[in-house]
Protein backbone atom coordinates (compact mmCIF):
# COMPACT_ATOMS: atom_id res chain seq x y z
CA UNK A 1 38.95 -0.92 -19.82
CA UNK A 2 38.79 1.96 -17.28
CA UNK A 3 36.43 4.00 -19.68
CA UNK A 4 34.29 0.79 -20.36
CA UNK A 5 34.03 0.23 -16.61
CA UNK A 6 33.30 3.88 -15.92
CA UNK A 7 30.61 3.71 -18.84
CA UNK A 8 29.09 0.71 -17.37
CA UNK A 9 28.98 2.13 -13.85
CA UNK A 10 27.14 5.42 -15.12
CA UNK A 11 24.78 3.43 -17.27
CA UNK A 12 23.78 1.17 -14.15
CA UNK A 13 23.39 4.42 -12.04
CA UNK A 14 21.32 6.04 -14.62
CA UNK A 15 18.98 3.05 -14.74
CA UNK A 16 18.57 2.93 -11.08
CA UNK A 17 17.64 6.29 -10.63
CA UNK A 18 15.05 5.99 -13.66
CA UNK A 19 13.75 2.78 -12.05
CA UNK A 20 13.27 4.50 -8.57
CA UNK A 21 12.07 7.99 -9.63
CA UNK A 22 9.89 7.05 -12.35
CA UNK A 23 9.03 3.36 -12.39
CA UNK A 24 8.28 2.94 -8.59
CA UNK A 25 6.81 6.30 -7.95
CA UNK A 26 3.29 5.20 -8.19
CA UNK A 27 4.13 1.87 -6.00
CA UNK A 28 5.47 4.32 -3.27
CA UNK A 29 2.51 6.65 -3.31
CA UNK A 30 0.08 3.57 -2.95
CA UNK A 31 2.50 2.18 -0.24
CA UNK A 32 1.97 5.70 1.73
CA UNK A 33 -1.67 5.41 1.03
CA UNK A 34 -1.89 1.69 2.08
CA UNK A 35 0.06 2.60 5.32
CA UNK A 36 -2.40 5.51 6.47
CA UNK A 37 -5.17 3.52 5.62
CA UNK A 38 -4.11 0.31 7.77
CA UNK A 39 -3.39 2.89 10.75
CA UNK A 40 -6.96 4.27 10.37
CA UNK A 41 -5.38 7.65 9.30
CA UNK A 42 -8.51 8.53 7.28
CA UNK A 43 -7.07 11.91 6.73
CA UNK A 44 -3.69 11.16 5.87
CA UNK A 45 -5.18 8.52 3.36
CA UNK A 46 -7.47 10.88 1.52
CA UNK A 47 -4.42 12.92 1.26
CA UNK A 48 -3.24 10.34 -1.25
CA UNK A 49 -6.23 10.53 -3.42
CA UNK A 50 -7.70 12.94 -6.08
CA UNK A 51 -11.16 13.50 -6.85
CA UNK A 52 -14.23 13.09 -5.05
CA UNK A 53 -14.99 9.42 -5.69
CA UNK A 54 -11.97 8.46 -4.11
CA UNK A 55 -12.03 10.29 -1.22
CA UNK A 56 -15.51 9.18 -0.48
CA UNK A 57 -14.39 5.44 -1.04
CA UNK A 58 -11.37 5.89 1.62
CA UNK A 59 -13.98 7.54 3.87
CA UNK A 60 -16.85 4.86 3.39
CA UNK A 61 -14.41 1.60 3.54
CA UNK A 62 -12.73 2.16 6.84
CA UNK A 63 -10.29 -0.63 7.81
CA UNK A 64 -12.56 -2.05 10.73
CA UNK A 65 -15.40 -2.04 7.92
CA UNK A 66 -13.49 -3.94 5.48
CA UNK A 67 -12.21 -6.59 8.04
CA UNK A 68 -15.42 -6.84 10.12
CA UNK A 69 -13.53 -8.57 13.21
CA UNK A 70 -13.06 -7.01 16.55
CA UNK A 71 -9.71 -5.05 16.63
CA UNK A 72 -8.46 -3.43 19.70
CA UNK A 73 -5.03 -2.36 18.80
CA UNK A 74 -3.15 -2.18 15.38
CA UNK A 75 0.27 -3.32 15.15
CA UNK A 76 1.39 -2.11 11.58
CA UNK A 77 1.43 -3.47 8.15
CA UNK A 78 3.23 -4.51 5.23
CA UNK A 79 1.96 -4.81 1.45
CA UNK A 80 3.13 -6.99 -1.41
CA UNK A 81 2.91 -5.86 -4.93
CA UNK A 82 1.07 -8.77 -7.06
CA UNK A 83 0.72 -6.74 -10.26
CA UNK A 84 1.01 -3.89 -11.85
CA UNK A 85 -0.31 -2.50 -15.38
CA UNK A 86 0.06 0.73 -17.28
CA UNK A 87 -2.79 1.87 -19.27
CA UNK A 88 -2.93 3.53 -22.35
CA UNK A 89 -4.19 6.82 -20.67
CA UNK A 90 -1.32 6.88 -18.44
CA UNK A 91 -3.02 5.43 -15.52
CA UNK A 92 -1.34 2.57 -13.29
CA UNK A 93 -3.47 -0.33 -11.90
CA UNK A 94 -1.75 -1.97 -8.89
CA UNK A 95 -3.09 -5.03 -7.33
CA UNK A 96 -1.50 -5.03 -3.62
CA UNK A 97 -1.74 -7.50 -0.90
CA UNK A 98 -1.56 -5.86 2.76
CA UNK A 99 -1.07 -7.94 5.88
CA UNK A 100 -2.40 -5.84 8.95
CA UNK A 101 -1.52 -6.83 12.27
CA UNK A 102 -3.96 -6.40 15.07
CA UNK A 103 -4.84 -7.38 18.48
CA UNK A 104 -8.20 -8.77 19.25
CA UNK A 105 -10.04 -7.88 22.29
CA UNK A 106 -8.62 -9.18 25.49
CA UNK A 107 -5.51 -10.60 23.70
CA UNK A 108 -2.87 -8.27 24.01
CA UNK A 109 0.60 -8.89 22.46
CA UNK A 110 3.73 -7.11 22.71
CA UNK A 111 5.24 -7.88 19.51
CA UNK A 112 3.54 -7.94 16.22
CA UNK A 113 -0.11 -8.61 16.85
CA UNK A 114 -2.12 -11.53 18.00
CA UNK A 115 -3.97 -11.72 14.42
CA UNK A 116 -3.49 -10.76 11.13
CA UNK A 117 -5.99 -9.70 8.32
CA UNK A 118 -5.04 -10.12 4.63
CA UNK A 119 -6.66 -7.55 2.17
CA UNK A 120 -6.33 -7.32 -1.59
CA UNK A 121 -6.48 -3.77 -2.82
CA UNK A 122 -6.79 -2.96 -6.50
CA UNK A 123 -6.05 0.64 -7.27
CA UNK A 124 -5.80 3.03 -10.02
CA UNK A 125 -3.43 5.96 -9.75
CA UNK A 126 -2.83 8.67 -12.08
CA UNK A 127 0.09 11.40 -11.99
CA UNK A 128 -1.21 14.88 -11.08
CA UNK A 129 0.93 17.89 -10.22
CA UNK A 130 1.37 16.96 -6.69
CA UNK A 131 2.53 13.37 -7.64
CA UNK A 132 0.82 10.19 -8.09
CA UNK A 133 -2.54 9.80 -6.43
CA UNK A 134 -5.22 7.20 -5.94
CA UNK A 135 -8.27 7.93 -8.24
CA UNK A 136 -9.88 4.69 -7.94
CA UNK A 137 -9.67 2.03 -5.00
CA UNK A 138 -11.29 -1.34 -3.84
CA UNK A 139 -10.19 -3.22 -0.88
CA UNK A 140 -11.16 -7.00 -0.35
CA UNK A 141 -10.67 -9.10 2.78
CA UNK A 142 -9.17 -12.02 1.94
CA UNK A 143 -8.40 -13.75 5.37
CA UNK A 144 -8.20 -12.76 9.03
CA UNK A 145 -6.60 -15.26 11.16
CA UNK A 146 -4.68 -15.63 14.81
CA UNK A 147 -1.14 -15.72 14.65
CA UNK A 148 0.55 -18.44 16.49
CA UNK A 149 3.63 -16.98 18.13
CA UNK A 150 6.67 -19.16 19.24
CA UNK A 151 6.68 -20.42 22.55
């Protein structure tokens, strides 16, 4: 019984390690890219890309240009993976929804931001010697709205 329990424990640990190291690696890379982009850190976001086309897209599609609403202060962001698809050529296509919290000019909040922008990213990532990198990326603004903080 102890051997069966030990075997199940080792198998579970092996599955966990495989999932975190192999399966989730492209998602972690994109989250780092999106976090840098959402903080308007263009050089850091460009560091998560490979190829001239992806770098040019990061430099051309800055956060304030995609959102098109006045933003005074950024208050962080979070992402939710909507879908992931592995292509035959080994690339991974992710569709991710990013929620960026920000303050509009004249409305400064101490906690979380007075407004929220929702952006859908469709990105293609490929494995390089440096790790997973974004090779193609398209951000689309879905919504930008004020947040009602509890009174």
